[in-house]
Structures are given as structure tokens and as C-alpha cells.
Amino acid sequence: MTQQKHTEGCLYVVATPIGNLEDITVRAKRILSTVSVIGCENVVRTKTLLQSLRINEQDKHYIVLNDACEDRATAQILATLNSAQDVVIVSDAGTPLVSDPGFQLVHEAYTTGIPTVPVPGPSAVMALVSVCPIPLHEYRFCGFLAKRGRKRTEQLSRLRVADTPTILFESPHRVLHSLKDMLDIEMGERKVFLGREMTKRFEEFVYTTLHELYEEFLTRTSIKGELVLVIDCSPQSQLVWSEEKLSQVLQPYLKPTQVASILAQLTELTREEAYTRITGRTDEATHG
């Protein structure tokens, strides 16, 4: 068991507003005011946030923590913490590490015993869950779908047969493409609850089907703001896919062994049985 030490600085993981500045917590504002080192995705955006909160941004030292420089930023922040200085990490909006960089840093901090403290607050996921008309006693959170390729195909396949509601993030530039992909795998009648621009001036919530949402977005000249979607999995909104249908959809994109692995997860077939049905052979059933 790794125990947190108390001779180093403390790493604060601070949630910031997703839109409305009134959502900042008293505690988050105090910590942002008092800690001098901030790890952030975008320095300009973080400085703007501090200015809006009437915090002197010029007294801070900023370390850019994003996907492109996560290794370097992690090393810098750990060195700062080991020199007995506290550090705050924030994302561009909302709760850090929820589809944002920072996991490597938090993992290393725990591994080396550095105190790591959450400062909870705004979260796009929790904001949407709190007003969602789809039952969410349990759910899957998948963040952003992969942009393309095998990983995206596998994610969509799992989404199609998921037995719990799924929460996704989507960008305004890719949402039509993603909705079309879902329609192509016969998910059009699935219920969806959408949150867009949450807590902001043009906040929008839509409860409809994936097909109707796609048709609605086609009529808009532009779509702005990050989107969060809850996709239902209730039996009345699902179509039952046969093993043959799943196989037909997956085979153009994946190797037979990969299709067999997915079918083994989603059906009652074993991997070997699925491979045999796909190819008529058994010689490669256990090889990737």
C-alpha cells in the first residue's frame, strides 16, 4: 500500500466552471488564489479565468499540461512538488482528468506518495446526469470516440450492444459524423439526451432519438459548443443483432481474429467457434 507523505508539496486537482463563473466553489477560488504554481492545458485561458475571478494571474507560474507535452509537464510538476511547493492542476473547463490530460501525473504522485487532493466542483457529465430523463442507476462513460480507424469501429460496436446507458463527449465539428455512424449500425431509434453549451447563455437540452437529432442538426447552419450525449440502452430502443449481422458489419474493417474476439465478448460463441463461422477454418482461431 502506498501511503501519502507530508514532506512534499500537495497536488490539488481543481474543478473549474464549464461556463457560468458563479459555479466556482469557495474552496476552489481560495486554492487558486493561494497556490503559486498551476498546471493547465492552456495558459491564456487559465489566465482569463483567474482574471474573471479577480485573482492576480501575474503572480503565478504556469506549466502547460496537455497531451502533446504530458511527459515533460509531469516531470516538471513532480519536481516542483518534491521541492515542497504546492501545485494546482486545472483543465480548460470542468473536472480535470475527465477526458483531459493529467492521469500520468496523478498516477506518479500516488506512486511516490505525494499528497493528491481533489477539489470537486463543475462537471459536464454530472451536470447532464442530474437532469437526464433516461434512467441512470448505472452508466458507461466513454469520453470522446476515436476519430477514425479500428478503435472507433470497436467502440461503436460495443456501444450498439451496451447493456447500460452510455455517456459520450462530442465536438461540434464531428457530431454529425458520429450520429451518421450510429444510424448506419441501426441505432436510429435509440433515445438520446443531449446537453450543449451547458451553464452558458445558449444552453440547450434535447431529448429525442438519434435519428431525429441527426435530422435536426442537418438543418442548422452551424453547431457550436461542446456536446455531451446520454445514449439509452433500454430494450425497447434496441434491435437484436444476430451473430451473422454483427460479423457482416465488422468484417470490412477488422481481421477475422479480431472479429472473432469481439463476437466472443458480445455473444455466447467462443472465440474459436466465432472464427470457424467467419472463415470455415480452425487453424488460426487462437492466433492474433
C-alpha atoms as a PDB file:
ATOM      1  CA  MET A   1       0.000   0.000   0.000  1.00  0.00           C
ATOM      2  CA  THR A   2       1.333   3.424  -0.997  1.00  0.00           C
ATOM      3  CA  GLN A   3       0.994   5.981   1.787  1.00  0.00           C
ATOM      4  CA  GLN A   4       0.957   9.691   1.090  1.00  0.00           C
ATOM      5  CA  LYS A   5       3.875  11.582   2.593  1.00  0.00           C
ATOM      6  CA  HIS A   6       3.695  15.026   4.126  1.00  0.00           C
ATOM      7  CA  THR A   7       7.164  16.411   3.445  1.00  0.00           C
ATOM      8  CA  GLU A   8       6.412  17.292  -0.190  1.00  0.00           C
ATOM      9  CA  GLY A   9       4.036  19.773  -1.682  1.00  0.00           C
ATOM     10  CA  CYS A  10       0.392  18.924  -2.211  1.00  0.00           C
ATOM     11  CA  LEU A  11      -1.142  18.341  -5.633  1.00  0.00           C
ATOM     12  CA  TYR A  12      -4.619  19.888  -5.887  1.00  0.00           C
ATOM     13  CA  VAL A  13      -6.904  18.689  -8.709  1.00  0.00           C
ATOM     14  CA  VAL A  14      -9.292  21.616  -9.033  1.00  0.00           C
ATOM     15  CA  ALA A  15     -12.600  21.678 -10.923  1.00  0.00           C
ATOM     16  CA  THR A  16     -13.376  24.980 -12.671  1.00  0.00           C
ATOM     17  CA  PRO A  17     -16.589  26.296 -14.281  1.00  0.00           C
ATOM     18  CA  ILE A  18     -17.767  24.755 -17.549  1.00  0.00           C
ATOM     19  CA  GLY A  19     -19.367  28.070 -18.440  1.00  0.00           C
ATOM     20  CA  ASN A  20     -21.036  30.071 -15.695  1.00  0.00           C
ATOM     21  CA  LEU A  21     -18.408  31.599 -13.388  1.00  0.00           C
ATOM     22  CA  GLU A  22     -20.874  31.547 -10.487  1.00  0.00           C
ATOM     23  CA  ASP A  23     -20.333  27.785 -10.354  1.00  0.00           C
ATOM     24  CA  ILE A  24     -16.815  28.159  -8.928  1.00  0.00           C
ATOM     25  CA  THR A  25     -16.644  26.863  -5.371  1.00  0.00           C
ATOM     26  CA  VAL A  26     -15.378  28.963  -2.481  1.00  0.00           C
ATOM     27  CA  ARG A  27     -12.691  26.377  -1.813  1.00  0.00           C
ATOM     28  CA  ALA A  28     -11.529  26.257  -5.451  1.00  0.00           C
ATOM     29  CA  LYS A  29     -11.226  30.034  -5.560  1.00  0.00           C
ATOM     30  CA  ARG A  30      -9.226  30.076  -2.319  1.00  0.00           C
ATOM     31  CA  ILE A  31      -6.778  27.450  -3.543  1.00  0.00           C
ATOM     32  CA  LEU A  32      -6.361  29.123  -6.923  1.00  0.00           C
ATOM     33  CA  SER A  33      -5.642  32.364  -5.066  1.00  0.00           C
ATOM     34  CA  THR A  34      -3.042  30.948  -2.701  1.00  0.00           C
ATOM     35  CA  VAL A  35      -1.118  28.336  -4.729  1.00  0.00           C
ATOM     36  CA  SER A  36       1.509  29.888  -6.987  1.00  0.00           C
ATOM     37  CA  VAL A  37       2.159  27.016  -9.454  1.00  0.00           C
ATOM     38  CA  ILE A  38      -0.602  25.960 -11.863  1.00  0.00           C
ATOM     39  CA  GLY A  39      -0.561  23.115 -14.367  1.00  0.00           C
ATOM     40  CA  CYS A  40      -3.025  23.854 -17.150  1.00  0.00           C
ATOM     41  CA  GLU A  41      -3.954  22.914 -20.701  1.00  0.00           C
ATOM     42  CA  ASN A  42      -3.913  26.485 -21.985  1.00  0.00           C
ATOM     43  CA  VAL A  43      -2.127  29.351 -20.215  1.00  0.00           C
ATOM     44  CA  VAL A  44      -4.130  32.129 -21.873  1.00  0.00           C
ATOM     45  CA  ARG A  45      -7.452  30.519 -20.999  1.00  0.00           C
ATOM     46  CA  THR A  46      -6.355  29.900 -17.418  1.00  0.00           C
ATOM     47  CA  LYS A  47      -5.150  33.491 -17.010  1.00  0.00           C
ATOM     48  CA  THR A  48      -8.502  34.697 -18.337  1.00  0.00           C
ATOM     49  CA  LEU A  49     -10.291  32.534 -15.779  1.00  0.00           C
ATOM     50  CA  LEU A  50      -8.184  33.931 -12.935  1.00  0.00           C
ATOM     51  CA  GLN A  51      -8.794  37.493 -14.093  1.00  0.00           C
ATOM     52  CA  SER A  52     -12.535  36.801 -14.187  1.00  0.00           C
ATOM     53  CA  LEU A  53     -12.324  35.531 -10.622  1.00  0.00           C
ATOM     54  CA  ARG A  54     -10.312  38.640  -9.622  1.00  0.00           C
ATOM     55  CA  ILE A  55      -7.234  36.602  -8.846  1.00  0.00           C
ATOM     56  CA  ASN A  56      -3.856  38.143  -9.713  1.00  0.00           C
ATOM     57  CA  GLU A  57      -2.685  35.925 -12.566  1.00  0.00           C
ATOM     58  CA  GLN A  58       0.700  37.654 -12.875  1.00  0.00           C
ATOM     59  CA  ASP A  59       1.970  36.142  -9.610  1.00  0.00           C
ATOM     60  CA  LYS A  60       1.551  32.594 -10.885  1.00  0.00           C
ATOM     61  CA  HIS A  61       3.970  30.203 -12.550  1.00  0.00           C
ATOM     62  CA  TYR A  62       2.302  28.172 -15.296  1.00  0.00           C
ATOM     63  CA  ILE A  63       3.253  24.713 -16.534  1.00  0.00           C
ATOM     64  CA  VAL A  64       1.493  23.622 -19.724  1.00  0.00           C
ATOM     65  CA  LEU A  65      -0.044  20.195 -19.192  1.00  0.00           C
ATOM     66  CA  ASN A  66      -1.598  18.854 -22.359  1.00  0.00           C
ATOM     67  CA  ASP A  67      -1.415  15.711 -24.471  1.00  0.00           C
ATOM     68  CA  ALA A  68       1.493  16.997 -26.546  1.00  0.00           C
ATOM     69  CA  CYS A  69       3.808  17.657 -23.587  1.00  0.00           C
ATOM     70  CA  GLU A  70       2.416  15.452 -20.820  1.00  0.00           C
ATOM     71  CA  ASP A  71       5.720  13.666 -20.124  1.00  0.00           C
ATOM     72  CA  ARG A  72       7.700  16.892 -19.741  1.00  0.00           C
ATOM     73  CA  ALA A  73       4.982  18.635 -17.735  1.00  0.00           C
ATOM     74  CA  THR A  74       4.622  15.647 -15.401  1.00  0.00           C
ATOM     75  CA  ALA A  75       8.362  15.702 -14.650  1.00  0.00           C
ATOM     76  CA  GLN A  76       8.305  19.470 -14.025  1.00  0.00           C
ATOM     77  CA  ILE A  77       5.318  19.300 -11.701  1.00  0.00           C
ATOM     78  CA  LEU A  78       6.721  16.348  -9.751  1.00  0.00           C
ATOM     79  CA  ALA A  79       9.998  18.214  -9.301  1.00  0.00           C
ATOM     80  CA  THR A  80       8.067  21.221  -8.010  1.00  0.00           C
ATOM     81  CA  LEU A  81       6.093  19.059  -5.578  1.00  0.00           C
ATOM     82  CA  ASN A  82       9.286  17.396  -4.365  1.00  0.00           C
ATOM     83  CA  SER A  83      10.692  20.834  -3.585  1.00  0.00           C
ATOM     84  CA  ALA A  84       7.853  21.268  -1.060  1.00  0.00           C
ATOM     85  CA  GLN A  85       5.741  23.579  -3.233  1.00  0.00           C
ATOM     86  CA  ASP A  86       2.025  23.011  -3.729  1.00  0.00           C
ATOM     87  CA  VAL A  87       0.699  22.709  -7.273  1.00  0.00           C
ATOM     88  CA  VAL A  88      -2.794  23.127  -8.727  1.00  0.00           C
ATOM     89  CA  ILE A  89      -3.848  21.406 -11.938  1.00  0.00           C
ATOM     90  CA  VAL A  90      -6.884  22.545 -13.897  1.00  0.00           C
ATOM     91  CA  SER A  91      -8.377  21.653 -17.264  1.00  0.00           C
ATOM     92  CA  ASP A  92      -9.787  24.203 -19.700  1.00  0.00           C
ATOM     93  CA  ALA A  93     -13.177  23.687 -18.040  1.00  0.00           C
ATOM     94  CA  GLY A  94     -14.780  21.294 -15.605  1.00  0.00           C
ATOM     95  CA  THR A  95     -13.134  18.498 -13.631  1.00  0.00           C
ATOM     96  CA  PRO A  96      -9.563  17.554 -14.645  1.00  0.00           C
ATOM     97  CA  LEU A  97      -8.769  14.042 -15.920  1.00  0.00           C
ATOM     98  CA  VAL A  98     -12.306  13.523 -17.287  1.00  0.00           C
ATOM     99  CA  SER A  99     -11.178  13.070 -20.926  1.00  0.00           C
ATOM    100  CA  ASP A 100      -8.394  15.572 -20.164  1.00  0.00           C
ATOM    101  CA  PRO A 101      -4.655  15.087 -19.588  1.00  0.00           C
ATOM    102  CA  GLY A 102      -3.291  14.590 -16.086  1.00  0.00           C
ATOM    103  CA  PHE A 103      -3.667  10.882 -15.353  1.00  0.00           C
ATOM    104  CA  GLN A 104       0.066  10.245 -15.699  1.00  0.00           C
ATOM    105  CA  LEU A 105       0.795  12.975 -13.159  1.00  0.00           C
ATOM    106  CA  VAL A 106      -1.773  11.741 -10.627  1.00  0.00           C
ATOM    107  CA  HIS A 107      -0.551   8.161 -11.022  1.00  0.00           C
ATOM    108  CA  GLU A 108       3.069   9.174 -10.460  1.00  0.00           C
ATOM    109  CA  ALA A 109       2.114  11.338  -7.499  1.00  0.00           C
ATOM    110  CA  TYR A 110       0.370   8.434  -5.781  1.00  0.00           C
ATOM    111  CA  THR A 111       3.198   6.057  -6.671  1.00  0.00           C
ATOM    112  CA  THR A 112       5.731   8.340  -4.978  1.00  0.00           C
ATOM    113  CA  GLY A 113       3.496   9.170  -2.017  1.00  0.00           C
ATOM    114  CA  ILE A 114       2.787  12.814  -2.852  1.00  0.00           C
ATOM    115  CA  PRO A 115      -0.482  14.033  -1.282  1.00  0.00           C
ATOM    116  CA  THR A 116      -3.118  14.407  -4.006  1.00  0.00           C
ATOM    117  CA  VAL A 117      -6.338  16.203  -3.124  1.00  0.00           C
ATOM    118  CA  PRO A 118      -9.499  16.576  -5.242  1.00  0.00           C
ATOM    119  CA  VAL A 119     -11.280  19.918  -5.116  1.00  0.00           C
ATOM    120  CA  PRO A 120     -14.644  18.918  -6.614  1.00  0.00           C
ATOM    121  CA  GLY A 121     -16.977  21.169  -8.483  1.00  0.00           C
ATOM    122  CA  PRO A 122     -18.370  21.633 -12.010  1.00  0.00           C
ATOM    123  CA  SER A 123     -18.537  18.590 -14.277  1.00  0.00           C
ATOM    124  CA  ALA A 124     -20.256  18.370 -17.643  1.00  0.00           C
ATOM    125  CA  VAL A 125     -21.059  14.700 -17.009  1.00  0.00           C
ATOM    126  CA  MET A 126     -22.652  15.286 -13.607  1.00  0.00           C
ATOM    127  CA  ALA A 127     -24.496  18.373 -14.847  1.00  0.00           C
ATOM    128  CA  LEU A 128     -26.190  16.346 -17.585  1.00  0.00           C
ATOM    129  CA  VAL A 129     -26.796  13.300 -15.371  1.00  0.00           C
ATOM    130  CA  SER A 130     -28.608  15.484 -12.821  1.00  0.00           C
ATOM    131  CA  VAL A 131     -31.337  16.464 -15.321  1.00  0.00           C
ATOM    132  CA  CYS A 132     -31.367  13.365 -17.533  1.00  0.00           C
ATOM    133  CA  PRO A 133     -34.763  11.719 -18.273  1.00  0.00           C
ATOM    134  CA  ILE A 134     -33.031   8.408 -19.074  1.00  0.00           C
ATOM    135  CA  PRO A 135     -32.652   6.099 -16.029  1.00  0.00           C
ATOM    136  CA  LEU A 136     -29.024   6.249 -14.908  1.00  0.00           C
ATOM    137  CA  HIS A 137     -28.738   3.937 -11.915  1.00  0.00           C
ATOM    138  CA  GLU A 138     -25.550   2.845 -13.649  1.00  0.00           C
ATOM    139  CA  TYR A 139     -23.892   4.004 -16.856  1.00  0.00           C
ATOM    140  CA  ARG A 140     -20.757   3.792 -19.005  1.00  0.00           C
ATOM    141  CA  PHE A 141     -18.633   6.877 -19.595  1.00  0.00           C
ATOM    142  CA  CYS A 142     -16.593   6.667 -22.793  1.00  0.00           C
ATOM    143  CA  GLY A 143     -15.369  10.242 -23.312  1.00  0.00           C
ATOM    144  CA  PHE A 144     -14.657  11.067 -26.945  1.00  0.00           C
ATOM    145  CA  LEU A 145     -14.902   8.391 -29.625  1.00  0.00           C
ATOM    146  CA  ALA A 146     -11.716   7.746 -31.554  1.00  0.00           C
ATOM    147  CA  LYS A 147     -11.622   9.892 -34.682  1.00  0.00           C
ATOM    148  CA  ARG A 148     -11.175   7.011 -37.100  1.00  0.00           C
ATOM    149  CA  GLY A 149      -9.887   3.516 -37.659  1.00  0.00           C
ATOM    150  CA  ARG A 150     -10.183   0.218 -35.864  1.00  0.00           C
ATOM    151  CA  LYS A 151     -10.584   1.688 -32.399  1.00  0.00           C
ATOM    152  CA  ARG A 152     -13.595   3.755 -33.486  1.00  0.00           C
ATOM    153  CA  THR A 153     -15.191   0.728 -35.141  1.00  0.00           C
ATOM    154  CA  GLU A 154     -14.758  -1.312 -31.972  1.00  0.00           C
ATOM    155  CA  GLN A 155     -16.162   1.477 -29.801  1.00  0.00           C
ATOM    156  CA  LEU A 156     -19.260   1.812 -31.981  1.00  0.00           C
ATOM    157  CA  SER A 157     -19.764  -1.951 -31.952  1.00  0.00           C
ATOM    158  CA  ARG A 158     -19.682  -2.023 -28.163  1.00  0.00           C
ATOM    159  CA  LEU A 159     -21.960   1.000 -27.981  1.00  0.00           C
ATOM    160  CA  ARG A 160     -24.511  -0.811 -30.153  1.00  0.00           C
ATOM    161  CA  VAL A 161     -24.797  -3.746 -27.765  1.00  0.00           C
ATOM    162  CA  ALA A 162     -24.123  -1.986 -24.441  1.00  0.00           C
ATOM    163  CA  ASP A 163     -26.408  -3.093 -21.623  1.00  0.00           C
ATOM    164  CA  THR A 164     -26.125   0.211 -19.700  1.00  0.00           C
ATOM    165  CA  PRO A 165     -26.659   3.803 -20.922  1.00  0.00           C
ATOM    166  CA  THR A 166     -23.530   5.352 -22.405  1.00  0.00           C
ATOM    167  CA  ILE A 167     -22.277   8.910 -21.917  1.00  0.00           C
ATOM    168  CA  LEU A 168     -20.159  10.409 -24.693  1.00  0.00           C
ATOM    169  CA  PHE A 169     -18.427  13.712 -25.321  1.00  0.00           C
ATOM    170  CA  GLU A 170     -18.534  15.066 -28.857  1.00  0.00           C
ATOM    171  CA  SER A 171     -17.171  18.111 -30.655  1.00  0.00           C
ATOM    172  CA  PRO A 172     -19.408  20.346 -32.799  1.00  0.00           C
ATOM    173  CA  HIS A 173     -17.263  19.530 -35.845  1.00  0.00           C
ATOM    174  CA  ARG A 174     -17.666  15.755 -35.581  1.00  0.00           C
ATOM    175  CA  VAL A 175     -21.116  15.259 -34.093  1.00  0.00           C
ATOM    176  CA  LEU A 176     -22.885  14.797 -37.441  1.00  0.00           C
ATOM    177  CA  HIS A 177     -20.318  12.211 -38.500  1.00  0.00           C
ATOM    178  CA  SER A 178     -20.753  10.313 -35.243  1.00  0.00           C
ATOM    179  CA  LEU A 179     -24.540  10.409 -35.426  1.00  0.00           C
ATOM    180  CA  LYS A 180     -24.426   9.137 -39.014  1.00  0.00           C
ATOM    181  CA  ASP A 181     -22.169   6.266 -37.941  1.00  0.00           C
ATOM    182  CA  MET A 182     -24.703   5.327 -35.262  1.00  0.00           C
ATOM    183  CA  LEU A 183     -27.542   5.420 -37.771  1.00  0.00           C
ATOM    184  CA  ASP A 184     -25.513   3.186 -40.096  1.00  0.00           C
ATOM    185  CA  ILE A 185     -25.422   0.475 -37.416  1.00  0.00           C
ATOM    186  CA  GLU A 186     -29.190   0.680 -36.889  1.00  0.00           C
ATOM    187  CA  MET A 187     -29.241   2.784 -33.729  1.00  0.00           C
ATOM    188  CA  GLY A 188     -31.547   5.456 -35.158  1.00  0.00           C
ATOM    189  CA  GLU A 189     -34.488   4.709 -32.852  1.00  0.00           C
ATOM    190  CA  ARG A 190     -32.340   4.764 -29.727  1.00  0.00           C
ATOM    191  CA  LYS A 191     -33.296   7.522 -27.259  1.00  0.00           C
ATOM    192  CA  VAL A 192     -30.653  10.179 -26.621  1.00  0.00           C
ATOM    193  CA  PHE A 193     -30.402  13.098 -24.203  1.00  0.00           C
ATOM    194  CA  LEU A 194     -28.128  15.907 -25.353  1.00  0.00           C
ATOM    195  CA  GLY A 195     -26.589  18.763 -23.413  1.00  0.00           C
ATOM    196  CA  ARG A 196     -24.917  21.585 -25.345  1.00  0.00           C
ATOM    197  CA  GLU A 197     -23.319  24.790 -24.027  1.00  0.00           C
ATOM    198  CA  MET A 198     -24.352  23.795 -20.512  1.00  0.00           C
ATOM    199  CA  THR A 199     -24.488  26.649 -17.942  1.00  0.00           C
ATOM    200  CA  LYS A 200     -23.836  29.169 -20.729  1.00  0.00           C
ATOM    201  CA  ARG A 201     -26.112  31.723 -22.371  1.00  0.00           C
ATOM    202  CA  PHE A 202     -27.272  29.431 -25.180  1.00  0.00           C
ATOM    203  CA  GLU A 203     -27.607  26.298 -23.066  1.00  0.00           C
ATOM    204  CA  GLU A 204     -29.615  23.597 -24.823  1.00  0.00           C
ATOM    205  CA  PHE A 205     -31.062  20.258 -23.733  1.00  0.00           C
ATOM    206  CA  VAL A 206     -32.710  17.876 -26.215  1.00  0.00           C
ATOM    207  CA  TYR A 207     -34.451  14.558 -25.509  1.00  0.00           C
ATOM    208  CA  THR A 208     -35.189  12.700 -28.727  1.00  0.00           C
ATOM    209  CA  THR A 209     -33.962   9.789 -30.858  1.00  0.00           C
ATOM    210  CA  LEU A 210     -30.593   9.594 -32.579  1.00  0.00           C
ATOM    211  CA  HIS A 211     -32.333   9.738 -35.959  1.00  0.00           C
ATOM    212  CA  GLU A 212     -34.333  12.849 -35.050  1.00  0.00           C
ATOM    213  CA  LEU A 213     -31.259  14.528 -33.556  1.00  0.00           C
ATOM    214  CA  TYR A 214     -29.315  13.872 -36.750  1.00  0.00           C
ATOM    215  CA  GLU A 215     -32.124  15.317 -38.876  1.00  0.00           C
ATOM    216  CA  GLU A 216     -32.314  18.381 -36.602  1.00  0.00           C
ATOM    217  CA  PHE A 217     -28.591  19.071 -36.783  1.00  0.00           C
ATOM    218  CA  LEU A 218     -28.677  18.751 -40.588  1.00  0.00           C
ATOM    219  CA  THR A 219     -30.996  21.787 -40.688  1.00  0.00           C
ATOM    220  CA  ARG A 220     -28.598  24.013 -38.703  1.00  0.00           C
ATOM    221  CA  THR A 221     -26.130  26.253 -40.473  1.00  0.00           C
ATOM    222  CA  SER A 222     -23.658  25.741 -37.626  1.00  0.00           C
ATOM    223  CA  ILE A 223     -23.315  23.769 -34.403  1.00  0.00           C
ATOM    224  CA  LYS A 224     -21.360  25.413 -31.618  1.00  0.00           C
ATOM    225  CA  GLY A 225     -20.094  24.310 -28.233  1.00  0.00           C
ATOM    226  CA  GLU A 226     -19.015  21.020 -26.733  1.00  0.00           C
ATOM    227  CA  LEU A 227     -21.729  18.378 -26.545  1.00  0.00           C
ATOM    228  CA  VAL A 228     -22.466  15.624 -24.033  1.00  0.00           C
ATOM    229  CA  LEU A 229     -24.793  12.771 -25.003  1.00  0.00           C
ATOM    230  CA  VAL A 230     -26.506  10.091 -22.952  1.00  0.00           C
ATOM    231  CA  ILE A 231     -27.476   7.203 -25.234  1.00  0.00           C
ATOM    232  CA  ASP A 232     -30.172   4.882 -23.932  1.00  0.00           C
ATOM    233  CA  CYS A 233     -29.870   1.117 -23.921  1.00  0.00           C
ATOM    234  CA  SER A 234     -33.391   0.175 -22.826  1.00  0.00           C
ATOM    235  CA  PRO A 235     -34.730  -2.991 -24.504  1.00  0.00           C
ATOM    236  CA  GLN A 236     -37.493  -1.175 -26.352  1.00  0.00           C
ATOM    237  CA  SER A 237     -34.921   1.018 -28.083  1.00  0.00           C
ATOM    238  CA  GLN A 238     -32.615  -1.810 -29.166  1.00  0.00           C
ATOM    239  CA  LEU A 239     -32.696  -4.140 -32.101  1.00  0.00           C
ATOM    240  CA  VAL A 240     -31.419  -7.657 -31.563  1.00  0.00           C
ATOM    241  CA  TRP A 241     -28.471  -8.373 -33.800  1.00  0.00           C
ATOM    242  CA  SER A 242     -27.617 -11.877 -34.836  1.00  0.00           C
ATOM    243  CA  GLU A 243     -24.062 -13.146 -34.793  1.00  0.00           C
ATOM    244  CA  GLU A 244     -24.164 -13.085 -38.606  1.00  0.00           C
ATOM    245  CA  LYS A 245     -25.221  -9.424 -38.712  1.00  0.00           C
ATOM    246  CA  LEU A 246     -22.501  -8.367 -36.283  1.00  0.00           C
ATOM    247  CA  SER A 247     -19.969 -10.296 -38.293  1.00  0.00           C
ATOM    248  CA  GLN A 248     -21.066  -8.634 -41.553  1.00  0.00           C
ATOM    249  CA  VAL A 249     -20.698  -5.150 -40.058  1.00  0.00           C
ATOM    250  CA  LEU A 250     -17.262  -5.800 -38.535  1.00  0.00           C
ATOM    251  CA  GLN A 251     -15.523  -7.814 -41.252  1.00  0.00           C
ATOM    252  CA  PRO A 252     -14.848  -4.950 -43.695  1.00  0.00           C
ATOM    253  CA  TYR A 253     -12.826  -3.168 -41.013  1.00  0.00           C
ATOM    254  CA  LEU A 254     -11.165  -5.881 -38.908  1.00  0.00           C
ATOM    255  CA  LYS A 255      -9.204  -9.102 -39.290  1.00  0.00           C
ATOM    256  CA  PRO A 256     -11.126 -12.362 -38.772  1.00  0.00           C
ATOM    257  CA  THR A 257      -9.319 -12.994 -35.484  1.00  0.00           C
ATOM    258  CA  GLN A 258     -10.334  -9.543 -34.223  1.00  0.00           C
ATOM    259  CA  VAL A 259     -13.943 -10.046 -35.288  1.00  0.00           C
ATOM    260  CA  ALA A 260     -13.918 -13.409 -33.519  1.00  0.00           C
ATOM    261  CA  SER A 261     -12.638 -11.793 -30.309  1.00  0.00           C
ATOM    262  CA  ILE A 262     -15.429  -9.193 -30.376  1.00  0.00           C
ATOM    263  CA  LEU A 263     -18.119 -11.794 -31.109  1.00  0.00           C
ATOM    264  CA  ALA A 264     -16.846 -13.864 -28.199  1.00  0.00           C
ATOM    265  CA  GLN A 265     -17.370 -10.887 -25.899  1.00  0.00           C
ATOM    266  CA  LEU A 266     -20.799  -9.960 -27.246  1.00  0.00           C
ATOM    267  CA  THR A 267     -22.398 -13.354 -27.956  1.00  0.00           C
ATOM    268  CA  GLU A 268     -22.474 -16.854 -26.488  1.00  0.00           C
ATOM    269  CA  LEU A 269     -19.918 -18.080 -29.031  1.00  0.00           C
ATOM    270  CA  THR A 270     -16.379 -18.888 -28.003  1.00  0.00           C
ATOM    271  CA  ARG A 271     -13.572 -17.197 -29.918  1.00  0.00           C
ATOM    272  CA  GLU A 272     -12.787 -20.443 -31.724  1.00  0.00           C
ATOM    273  CA  GLU A 273     -16.426 -21.029 -32.711  1.00  0.00           C
ATOM    274  CA  ALA A 274     -16.746 -17.461 -33.995  1.00  0.00           C
ATOM    275  CA  TYR A 275     -13.550 -17.769 -36.026  1.00  0.00           C
ATOM    276  CA  THR A 276     -14.731 -21.014 -37.584  1.00  0.00           C
ATOM    277  CA  ARG A 277     -18.090 -19.472 -38.584  1.00  0.00           C
ATOM    278  CA  ILE A 278     -16.358 -16.498 -40.171  1.00  0.00           C
ATOM    279  CA  THR A 279     -13.674 -18.367 -42.112  1.00  0.00           C
ATOM    280  CA  GLY A 280     -14.681 -22.020 -42.187  1.00  0.00           C
ATOM    281  CA  ARG A 281     -11.216 -22.784 -40.771  1.00  0.00           C
ATOM    282  CA  THR A 282      -9.936 -23.580 -37.302  1.00  0.00           C
ATOM    283  CA  ASP A 283      -6.162 -23.394 -37.848  1.00  0.00           C
ATOM    284  CA  GLU A 284      -5.778 -19.719 -36.855  1.00  0.00           C
ATOM    285  CA  ALA A 285      -8.511 -19.483 -34.266  1.00  0.00           C
ATOM    286  CA  THR A 286      -6.152 -18.923 -31.397  1.00  0.00           C
ATOM    287  CA  HIS A 287      -3.639 -16.668 -33.147  1.00  0.00           C
ATOM    288  CA  GLY A 288      -3.847 -12.865 -33.389  1.00  0.00           C
END
